[in-house]
Each structure stands twice: as C-alpha cells, then as structure tokens.
Amino acid sequence: MGISSSVRLRFSVGETGRYISHLDILRLMGRAVRRAQLPIAYSQGFSPTPKLAFASTLPVGLTSEAEYVDLQLRTGIDCQTVQARLNSVLPEGFRFLAGADLPERYPALMSLITTACYQIRVLGDAPELAQRIVGLMAQDQLMIVVKRKHKEKQVNIRALIDSLVYDAPLRQIELQCASGVKSNLRPMDLLPLLGLGLGDVLIHRSALLIKTDAGEFLTPFDVLKE
C-alpha cells in the first residue's frame, strides 16, 4: 500500500469492552494514538483534540467486529504500520482488524453509513420466537416507544428493518436495519416487540454498511475503490 496522511481502520470491541461508553472509547483511542507515538493531527482552538472520526456510536452493552475510525495524520505513514502500532498498545477487548489509506479528499465517515447488521443471541428458550418474527415482518406498522433525552415518543420502525430472521438451532436473530445520521434503529429498541429484554440476549454488531443508489451494500473500505 502507498503512504497516506490519513487512514481508515476497522476495529473490534470484545466482551471486556461491552460496557464502555462511546465517549470512553474515544478517550481510549486518543490515548492509544499518543502511546503508539503516531503523528496524529489536532484540531485548532483553545483545547486541541486528536482528529479521529468514528463511523457510528456503538450502544453500551454491545460487542462488535465492525467499528470504523478515520485518523488524520500530520505526516505520511502506511495504514499497516498504524494498525500494528495501535494494536501493540490497546487494552484487552479492543483490536484493529483491517485498514486502508484514504485519498486526499473524502466524505465524513459518519455521513456515509446507512445500515447495520446485528447478531442477537438468545440466552434461553424461545419456542415461539420464529413465528413472532414472521408475524412482525408481515405488518405494515411496528410501533415502539423510544426514549431519548428524558422524552418519550411513538415511532413506526417497520421501514427501518431490511431483514429480521431467527436461526433456531443457533438461537440467534439476524437483524439488518437502518443505522446512521438520517435514520437509525437500535437493536435493543426492537426487543420488546419480540418479547425479550436486554437480560435475555447478547447483541453483536457484525457490519456497518453503505447503501448505494443502485441498492447495493458496500463497506467503508469498498467505497474507497469506487
């Protein structure tokens, strides 16, 4: 790979990172960049901050293999070196899995993401779950109560769900849904419709995707090849 002033990296959040907030992940990554002695660029102003741009906020309580961050560097350094240096200083539960050099101009990572995929593992018996999911997907409206900033409102989430299926042998729900700045569905907000609570499941984010005008789904690395 060539040398670039900016890199895009994919990282995982494991079991030990499940209950770390997004703000704490941001701080953790800032510390890792400094410990790895990477030539990170900083914002201007009274309180400069490292130029790290994340694709999406990972809800507390989830693990993931599909978190992305763009790093803007002051000097050119290849993404493989950046990845190796960061992995050498990251705490248990976090690991960079892949990377790509960024072009000179590129859109904000968060503005690209439209879709997320989740694996929801059911911890107990749920004999009627498959039939319940089929029934839900056959409906035109799926109303839930969403709580945000101490306010509650009813929202129809049916159009936000691309697919929802249950693998009974694995006791795992596969969910693909809207995720991003324009529209977003948190998997935990869907659980009440399934007769489940947070204590009944383990939720893992398996992909963050970008839906094209042609209806294709690309990863944040794929769009760099366009």
C-alpha atoms as a PDB file:
ATOM      1  CA  MET A   1       0.000   0.000   0.000  1.00  0.00           C
ATOM      2  CA  GLY A   2       1.041   3.575  -0.520  1.00  0.00           C
ATOM      3  CA  ILE A   3       1.731   6.170   2.136  1.00  0.00           C
ATOM      4  CA  SER A   4      -1.108   8.489   3.030  1.00  0.00           C
ATOM      5  CA  SER A   5      -1.726  11.299   5.507  1.00  0.00           C
ATOM      6  CA  SER A   6      -4.993   9.693   6.557  1.00  0.00           C
ATOM      7  CA  VAL A   7      -6.056   6.116   7.237  1.00  0.00           C
ATOM      8  CA  ARG A   8      -9.345   4.271   7.788  1.00  0.00           C
ATOM      9  CA  LEU A   9      -9.295   1.398  10.281  1.00  0.00           C
ATOM     10  CA  ARG A  10     -11.796  -1.265  11.345  1.00  0.00           C
ATOM     11  CA  PHE A  11     -11.678  -2.432  14.950  1.00  0.00           C
ATOM     12  CA  SER A  12     -13.455  -4.866  17.224  1.00  0.00           C
ATOM     13  CA  VAL A  13     -14.954  -4.409  20.684  1.00  0.00           C
ATOM     14  CA  GLY A  14     -14.911  -7.626  22.692  1.00  0.00           C
ATOM     15  CA  GLU A  15     -16.528  -8.804  25.904  1.00  0.00           C
ATOM     16  CA  THR A  16     -14.319  -6.689  28.163  1.00  0.00           C
ATOM     17  CA  GLY A  17     -15.308  -3.568  26.197  1.00  0.00           C
ATOM     18  CA  ARG A  18     -19.040  -4.282  26.118  1.00  0.00           C
ATOM     19  CA  TYR A  19     -19.980  -1.745  28.807  1.00  0.00           C
ATOM     20  CA  ILE A  20     -17.596   1.040  27.829  1.00  0.00           C
ATOM     21  CA  SER A  21     -19.366   4.173  26.570  1.00  0.00           C
ATOM     22  CA  HIS A  22     -18.637   5.801  23.218  1.00  0.00           C
ATOM     23  CA  LEU A  23     -17.049   8.773  24.990  1.00  0.00           C
ATOM     24  CA  ASP A  24     -14.711   6.430  26.852  1.00  0.00           C
ATOM     25  CA  ILE A  25     -13.857   4.623  23.581  1.00  0.00           C
ATOM     26  CA  LEU A  26     -12.983   7.999  22.055  1.00  0.00           C
ATOM     27  CA  ARG A  27     -10.698   8.771  25.011  1.00  0.00           C
ATOM     28  CA  LEU A  28      -9.189   5.284  24.866  1.00  0.00           C
ATOM     29  CA  MET A  29      -8.345   5.684  21.182  1.00  0.00           C
ATOM     30  CA  GLY A  30      -6.829   9.115  21.800  1.00  0.00           C
ATOM     31  CA  ARG A  31      -4.578   7.654  24.492  1.00  0.00           C
ATOM     32  CA  ALA A  32      -3.638   4.711  22.244  1.00  0.00           C
ATOM     33  CA  VAL A  33      -2.641   7.078  19.424  1.00  0.00           C
ATOM     34  CA  ARG A  34      -0.361   9.005  21.798  1.00  0.00           C
ATOM     35  CA  ARG A  35       1.141   5.838  23.314  1.00  0.00           C
ATOM     36  CA  ALA A  36       1.775   4.456  19.811  1.00  0.00           C
ATOM     37  CA  GLN A  37       3.613   7.727  19.008  1.00  0.00           C
ATOM     38  CA  LEU A  38       1.638   8.279  15.836  1.00  0.00           C
ATOM     39  CA  PRO A  39       1.883  11.736  14.189  1.00  0.00           C
ATOM     40  CA  ILE A  40      -1.818  12.486  14.689  1.00  0.00           C
ATOM     41  CA  ALA A  41      -3.180  15.844  13.541  1.00  0.00           C
ATOM     42  CA  TYR A  42      -5.000  18.017  16.084  1.00  0.00           C
ATOM     43  CA  SER A  43      -7.898  20.418  15.796  1.00  0.00           C
ATOM     44  CA  GLN A  44      -7.301  24.146  16.166  1.00  0.00           C
ATOM     45  CA  GLY A  45      -8.532  26.270  19.027  1.00  0.00           C
ATOM     46  CA  PHE A  46      -8.210  26.648  22.788  1.00  0.00           C
ATOM     47  CA  SER A  47      -8.446  22.905  23.531  1.00  0.00           C
ATOM     48  CA  PRO A  48      -6.981  20.898  20.605  1.00  0.00           C
ATOM     49  CA  THR A  49      -8.235  17.326  20.188  1.00  0.00           C
ATOM     50  CA  PRO A  50      -6.852  14.496  18.020  1.00  0.00           C
ATOM     51  CA  LYS A  51      -8.520  14.207  14.615  1.00  0.00           C
ATOM     52  CA  LEU A  52     -10.358  10.898  14.984  1.00  0.00           C
ATOM     53  CA  ALA A  53     -13.687  10.448  13.171  1.00  0.00           C
ATOM     54  CA  PHE A  54     -15.839   7.421  14.013  1.00  0.00           C
ATOM     55  CA  ALA A  55     -18.404   5.818  11.710  1.00  0.00           C
ATOM     56  CA  SER A  56     -21.063   5.272  14.347  1.00  0.00           C
ATOM     57  CA  THR A  57     -21.723   5.242  18.065  1.00  0.00           C
ATOM     58  CA  LEU A  58     -21.792   1.695  19.435  1.00  0.00           C
ATOM     59  CA  PRO A  59     -24.541   1.395  22.060  1.00  0.00           C
ATOM     60  CA  VAL A  60     -23.368   0.384  25.524  1.00  0.00           C
ATOM     61  CA  GLY A  61     -23.775  -3.348  26.109  1.00  0.00           C
ATOM     62  CA  LEU A  62     -22.885  -4.475  22.582  1.00  0.00           C
ATOM     63  CA  THR A  63     -19.801  -6.162  21.182  1.00  0.00           C
ATOM     64  CA  SER A  64     -18.718  -5.528  17.604  1.00  0.00           C
ATOM     65  CA  GLU A  65     -16.394  -6.539  14.801  1.00  0.00           C
ATOM     66  CA  ALA A  66     -17.385  -3.611  12.585  1.00  0.00           C
ATOM     67  CA  GLU A  67     -16.347  -0.308  14.156  1.00  0.00           C
ATOM     68  CA  TYR A  68     -14.546   2.167  11.892  1.00  0.00           C
ATOM     69  CA  VAL A  69     -12.425   5.230  12.570  1.00  0.00           C
ATOM     70  CA  ASP A  70     -10.604   7.676  10.292  1.00  0.00           C
ATOM     71  CA  LEU A  71      -7.296   9.064  11.569  1.00  0.00           C
ATOM     72  CA  GLN A  72      -5.830  12.245  10.094  1.00  0.00           C
ATOM     73  CA  LEU A  73      -2.035  12.322  10.392  1.00  0.00           C
ATOM     74  CA  ARG A  74       0.454  15.178  10.118  1.00  0.00           C
ATOM     75  CA  THR A  75       2.924  13.124   8.087  1.00  0.00           C
ATOM     76  CA  GLY A  76       2.573  10.182   5.742  1.00  0.00           C
ATOM     77  CA  ILE A  77       2.578   6.707   7.271  1.00  0.00           C
ATOM     78  CA  ASP A  78       1.113   3.495   5.829  1.00  0.00           C
ATOM     79  CA  CYS A  79      -2.024   2.009   7.360  1.00  0.00           C
ATOM     80  CA  GLN A  80      -0.374  -1.321   8.193  1.00  0.00           C
ATOM     81  CA  THR A  81       2.169   0.445  10.404  1.00  0.00           C
ATOM     82  CA  VAL A  82      -0.594   2.466  12.067  1.00  0.00           C
ATOM     83  CA  GLN A  83      -2.595  -0.702  12.726  1.00  0.00           C
ATOM     84  CA  ALA A  84       0.389  -2.593  14.178  1.00  0.00           C
ATOM     85  CA  ARG A  85       1.424   0.266  16.452  1.00  0.00           C
ATOM     86  CA  LEU A  86      -2.078   0.726  17.819  1.00  0.00           C
ATOM     87  CA  ASN A  87      -2.591  -2.992  18.446  1.00  0.00           C
ATOM     88  CA  SER A  88       0.628  -3.048  20.476  1.00  0.00           C
ATOM     89  CA  VAL A  89      -0.791  -0.563  23.000  1.00  0.00           C
ATOM     90  CA  LEU A  90      -4.538  -1.278  23.044  1.00  0.00           C
ATOM     91  CA  PRO A  91      -6.085  -2.853  26.160  1.00  0.00           C
ATOM     92  CA  GLU A  92      -7.780  -6.250  26.137  1.00  0.00           C
ATOM     93  CA  GLY A  93     -11.113  -6.190  24.321  1.00  0.00           C
ATOM     94  CA  PHE A  94     -10.073  -3.849  21.514  1.00  0.00           C
ATOM     95  CA  ARG A  95      -8.204  -4.744  18.336  1.00  0.00           C
ATOM     96  CA  PHE A  96      -7.732  -3.215  14.901  1.00  0.00           C
ATOM     97  CA  LEU A  97      -8.581  -5.776  12.222  1.00  0.00           C
ATOM     98  CA  ALA A  98      -8.015  -4.041   8.872  1.00  0.00           C
ATOM     99  CA  GLY A  99      -7.065  -0.728   7.344  1.00  0.00           C
ATOM    100  CA  ALA A 100      -6.865   1.307   4.164  1.00  0.00           C
ATOM    101  CA  ASP A 101      -5.149   4.512   3.102  1.00  0.00           C
ATOM    102  CA  LEU A 102      -7.510   7.405   2.443  1.00  0.00           C
ATOM    103  CA  PRO A 103      -7.411   9.696  -0.600  1.00  0.00           C
ATOM    104  CA  GLU A 104      -6.634  13.389  -0.209  1.00  0.00           C
ATOM    105  CA  ARG A 105     -10.343  14.251  -0.201  1.00  0.00           C
ATOM    106  CA  TYR A 106     -13.041  12.024   1.271  1.00  0.00           C
ATOM    107  CA  PRO A 107     -16.510  12.477   2.807  1.00  0.00           C
ATOM    108  CA  ALA A 108     -17.040  12.265   6.551  1.00  0.00           C
ATOM    109  CA  LEU A 109     -17.271   8.634   7.612  1.00  0.00           C
ATOM    110  CA  MET A 110     -20.368   9.123   9.767  1.00  0.00           C
ATOM    111  CA  SER A 111     -22.261  10.712   6.852  1.00  0.00           C
ATOM    112  CA  LEU A 112     -21.792   7.574   4.713  1.00  0.00           C
ATOM    113  CA  ILE A 113     -23.224   4.857   6.966  1.00  0.00           C
ATOM    114  CA  THR A 114     -26.847   3.868   6.261  1.00  0.00           C
ATOM    115  CA  THR A 115     -27.159   0.277   7.502  1.00  0.00           C
ATOM    116  CA  ALA A 116     -26.036  -2.038  10.296  1.00  0.00           C
ATOM    117  CA  CYS A 117     -26.173  -5.798  10.799  1.00  0.00           C
ATOM    118  CA  TYR A 118     -26.591  -7.379  14.226  1.00  0.00           C
ATOM    119  CA  GLN A 119     -26.428 -10.887  15.637  1.00  0.00           C
ATOM    120  CA  ILE A 120     -28.720 -11.199  18.654  1.00  0.00           C
ATOM    121  CA  ARG A 121     -28.042 -14.395  20.598  1.00  0.00           C
ATOM    122  CA  VAL A 122     -30.977 -15.560  22.709  1.00  0.00           C
ATOM    123  CA  LEU A 123     -29.776 -16.972  26.027  1.00  0.00           C
ATOM    124  CA  GLY A 124     -32.851 -19.008  26.968  1.00  0.00           C
ATOM    125  CA  ASP A 125     -35.615 -20.954  25.292  1.00  0.00           C
ATOM    126  CA  ALA A 126     -37.830 -19.007  22.894  1.00  0.00           C
ATOM    127  CA  PRO A 127     -40.089 -21.584  21.211  1.00  0.00           C
ATOM    128  CA  GLU A 128     -42.441 -19.024  19.620  1.00  0.00           C
ATOM    129  CA  LEU A 129     -39.806 -16.534  18.506  1.00  0.00           C
ATOM    130  CA  ALA A 130     -39.638 -17.644  14.852  1.00  0.00           C
ATOM    131  CA  GLN A 131     -43.423 -17.339  14.438  1.00  0.00           C
ATOM    132  CA  ARG A 132     -43.438 -13.988  16.239  1.00  0.00           C
ATOM    133  CA  ILE A 133     -40.805 -12.606  13.852  1.00  0.00           C
ATOM    134  CA  VAL A 134     -42.711 -13.811  10.782  1.00  0.00           C
ATOM    135  CA  GLY A 135     -45.814 -12.090  12.120  1.00  0.00           C
ATOM    136  CA  LEU A 136     -43.972  -8.841  12.798  1.00  0.00           C
ATOM    137  CA  MET A 137     -42.411  -8.706   9.339  1.00  0.00           C
ATOM    138  CA  ALA A 138     -45.842  -9.195   7.740  1.00  0.00           C
ATOM    139  CA  GLN A 139     -47.134  -5.979   9.339  1.00  0.00           C
ATOM    140  CA  ASP A 140     -47.094  -2.516   7.791  1.00  0.00           C
ATOM    141  CA  GLN A 141     -46.544  -0.786  11.124  1.00  0.00           C
ATOM    142  CA  LEU A 142     -44.389  -1.679  14.096  1.00  0.00           C
ATOM    143  CA  MET A 143     -44.852   0.949  16.780  1.00  0.00           C
ATOM    144  CA  ILE A 144     -42.400   1.281  19.639  1.00  0.00           C
ATOM    145  CA  VAL A 145     -41.861   3.842  22.381  1.00  0.00           C
ATOM    146  CA  VAL A 146     -38.450   5.470  22.055  1.00  0.00           C
ATOM    147  CA  LYS A 147     -36.888   7.277  24.999  1.00  0.00           C
ATOM    148  CA  ARG A 148     -34.375   9.989  24.138  1.00  0.00           C
ATOM    149  CA  LYS A 149     -33.163  12.780  26.452  1.00  0.00           C
ATOM    150  CA  HIS A 150     -35.882  12.162  29.046  1.00  0.00           C
ATOM    151  CA  LYS A 151     -38.611  12.295  26.389  1.00  0.00           C
ATOM    152  CA  GLU A 152     -40.799   9.512  25.016  1.00  0.00           C
ATOM    153  CA  LYS A 153     -42.386   9.271  21.596  1.00  0.00           C
ATOM    154  CA  GLN A 154     -44.021   6.577  19.487  1.00  0.00           C
ATOM    155  CA  VAL A 155     -42.167   5.620  16.320  1.00  0.00           C
ATOM    156  CA  ASN A 156     -43.065   3.279  13.458  1.00  0.00           C
ATOM    157  CA  ILE A 157     -39.870   1.286  12.847  1.00  0.00           C
ATOM    158  CA  ARG A 158     -41.126  -1.095  10.130  1.00  0.00           C
ATOM    159  CA  ALA A 159     -39.471   0.844   7.294  1.00  0.00           C
ATOM    160  CA  LEU A 160     -36.175   0.805   9.229  1.00  0.00           C
ATOM    161  CA  ILE A 161     -35.909  -3.004   9.147  1.00  0.00           C
ATOM    162  CA  ASP A 162     -34.420  -4.564   5.997  1.00  0.00           C
ATOM    163  CA  SER A 163     -34.485  -8.133   7.292  1.00  0.00           C
ATOM    164  CA  LEU A 164     -35.191  -9.973  10.532  1.00  0.00           C
ATOM    165  CA  VAL A 165     -34.827 -13.753  10.754  1.00  0.00           C
ATOM    166  CA  TYR A 166     -34.341 -16.312  13.501  1.00  0.00           C
ATOM    167  CA  ASP A 167     -31.904 -19.218  13.322  1.00  0.00           C
ATOM    168  CA  ALA A 168     -33.448 -21.656  15.797  1.00  0.00           C
ATOM    169  CA  PRO A 169     -30.520 -24.142  16.007  1.00  0.00           C
ATOM    170  CA  LEU A 170     -28.126 -21.294  16.834  1.00  0.00           C
ATOM    171  CA  ARG A 171     -30.723 -19.422  18.926  1.00  0.00           C
ATOM    172  CA  GLN A 172     -29.672 -16.313  17.042  1.00  0.00           C
ATOM    173  CA  ILE A 173     -31.628 -13.445  15.493  1.00  0.00           C
ATOM    174  CA  GLU A 174     -30.110 -11.836  12.393  1.00  0.00           C
ATOM    175  CA  LEU A 175     -31.114  -8.186  12.015  1.00  0.00           C
ATOM    176  CA  GLN A 176     -30.282  -5.764   9.210  1.00  0.00           C
ATOM    177  CA  CYS A 177     -31.634  -2.284   9.785  1.00  0.00           C
ATOM    178  CA  ALA A 178     -31.181   1.444   9.278  1.00  0.00           C
ATOM    179  CA  SER A 179     -28.205   2.994  11.022  1.00  0.00           C
ATOM    180  CA  GLY A 180     -26.852   6.482  10.532  1.00  0.00           C
ATOM    181  CA  VAL A 181     -27.490  10.182  10.848  1.00  0.00           C
ATOM    182  CA  LYS A 182     -30.657  10.148   8.700  1.00  0.00           C
ATOM    183  CA  SER A 183     -32.438   7.189  10.294  1.00  0.00           C
ATOM    184  CA  ASN A 184     -31.381   4.768  12.976  1.00  0.00           C
ATOM    185  CA  LEU A 185     -32.741   1.742  14.817  1.00  0.00           C
ATOM    186  CA  ARG A 186     -31.063   0.475  17.952  1.00  0.00           C
ATOM    187  CA  PRO A 187     -31.494  -3.310  18.262  1.00  0.00           C
ATOM    188  CA  MET A 188     -32.434  -3.043  21.929  1.00  0.00           C
ATOM    189  CA  ASP A 189     -35.451  -0.902  20.981  1.00  0.00           C
ATOM    190  CA  LEU A 190     -36.778  -3.829  18.935  1.00  0.00           C
ATOM    191  CA  LEU A 191     -36.567  -6.368  21.771  1.00  0.00           C
ATOM    192  CA  PRO A 192     -39.936  -5.606  23.448  1.00  0.00           C
ATOM    193  CA  LEU A 193     -41.753  -6.485  20.206  1.00  0.00           C
ATOM    194  CA  LEU A 194     -40.015  -9.862  20.334  1.00  0.00           C
ATOM    195  CA  GLY A 195     -40.986 -10.483  23.949  1.00  0.00           C
ATOM    196  CA  LEU A 196     -37.358 -10.132  25.018  1.00  0.00           C
ATOM    197  CA  GLY A 197     -35.366  -7.907  27.351  1.00  0.00           C
ATOM    198  CA  LEU A 198     -31.706  -6.935  27.472  1.00  0.00           C
ATOM    199  CA  GLY A 199     -31.068  -9.638  30.050  1.00  0.00           C
ATOM    200  CA  ASP A 200     -32.319 -12.300  27.619  1.00  0.00           C
ATOM    201  CA  VAL A 201     -29.814 -11.627  24.822  1.00  0.00           C
ATOM    202  CA  LEU A 202     -26.259 -10.811  23.804  1.00  0.00           C
ATOM    203  CA  ILE A 203     -26.019  -8.360  20.901  1.00  0.00           C
ATOM    204  CA  HIS A 204     -23.094  -8.199  18.464  1.00  0.00           C
ATOM    205  CA  ARG A 205     -22.682  -5.733  15.601  1.00  0.00           C
ATOM    206  CA  SER A 206     -21.353  -7.664  12.613  1.00  0.00           C
ATOM    207  CA  ALA A 207     -21.335  -4.984   9.890  1.00  0.00           C
ATOM    208  CA  LEU A 208     -21.704  -1.294   9.117  1.00  0.00           C
ATOM    209  CA  LEU A 209     -22.698  -0.705   5.501  1.00  0.00           C
ATOM    210  CA  ILE A 210     -23.398   1.975   2.919  1.00  0.00           C
ATOM    211  CA  LYS A 211     -26.420   1.530   0.646  1.00  0.00           C
ATOM    212  CA  THR A 212     -25.837   2.905  -2.845  1.00  0.00           C
ATOM    213  CA  ASP A 213     -28.439   4.491  -5.141  1.00  0.00           C
ATOM    214  CA  ALA A 214     -28.457   1.190  -7.057  1.00  0.00           C
ATOM    215  CA  GLY A 215     -29.421  -0.706  -3.895  1.00  0.00           C
ATOM    216  CA  GLU A 216     -26.020  -2.328  -3.341  1.00  0.00           C
ATOM    217  CA  PHE A 217     -24.426  -2.544   0.094  1.00  0.00           C
ATOM    218  CA  LEU A 218     -20.767  -1.547   0.436  1.00  0.00           C
ATOM    219  CA  THR A 219     -18.375  -1.499   3.377  1.00  0.00           C
ATOM    220  CA  PRO A 220     -16.496   1.692   4.307  1.00  0.00           C
ATOM    221  CA  PHE A 221     -13.470   0.126   2.591  1.00  0.00           C
ATOM    222  CA  ASP A 222     -15.392  -0.727  -0.594  1.00  0.00           C
ATOM    223  CA  VAL A 223     -16.335   2.924  -1.222  1.00  0.00           C
ATOM    224  CA  LEU A 224     -12.645   3.834  -1.391  1.00  0.00           C
ATOM    225  CA  LYS A 225     -12.371   1.691  -4.547  1.00  0.00           C
ATOM    226  CA  GLU A 226     -15.238   3.454  -6.320  1.00  0.00           C
END
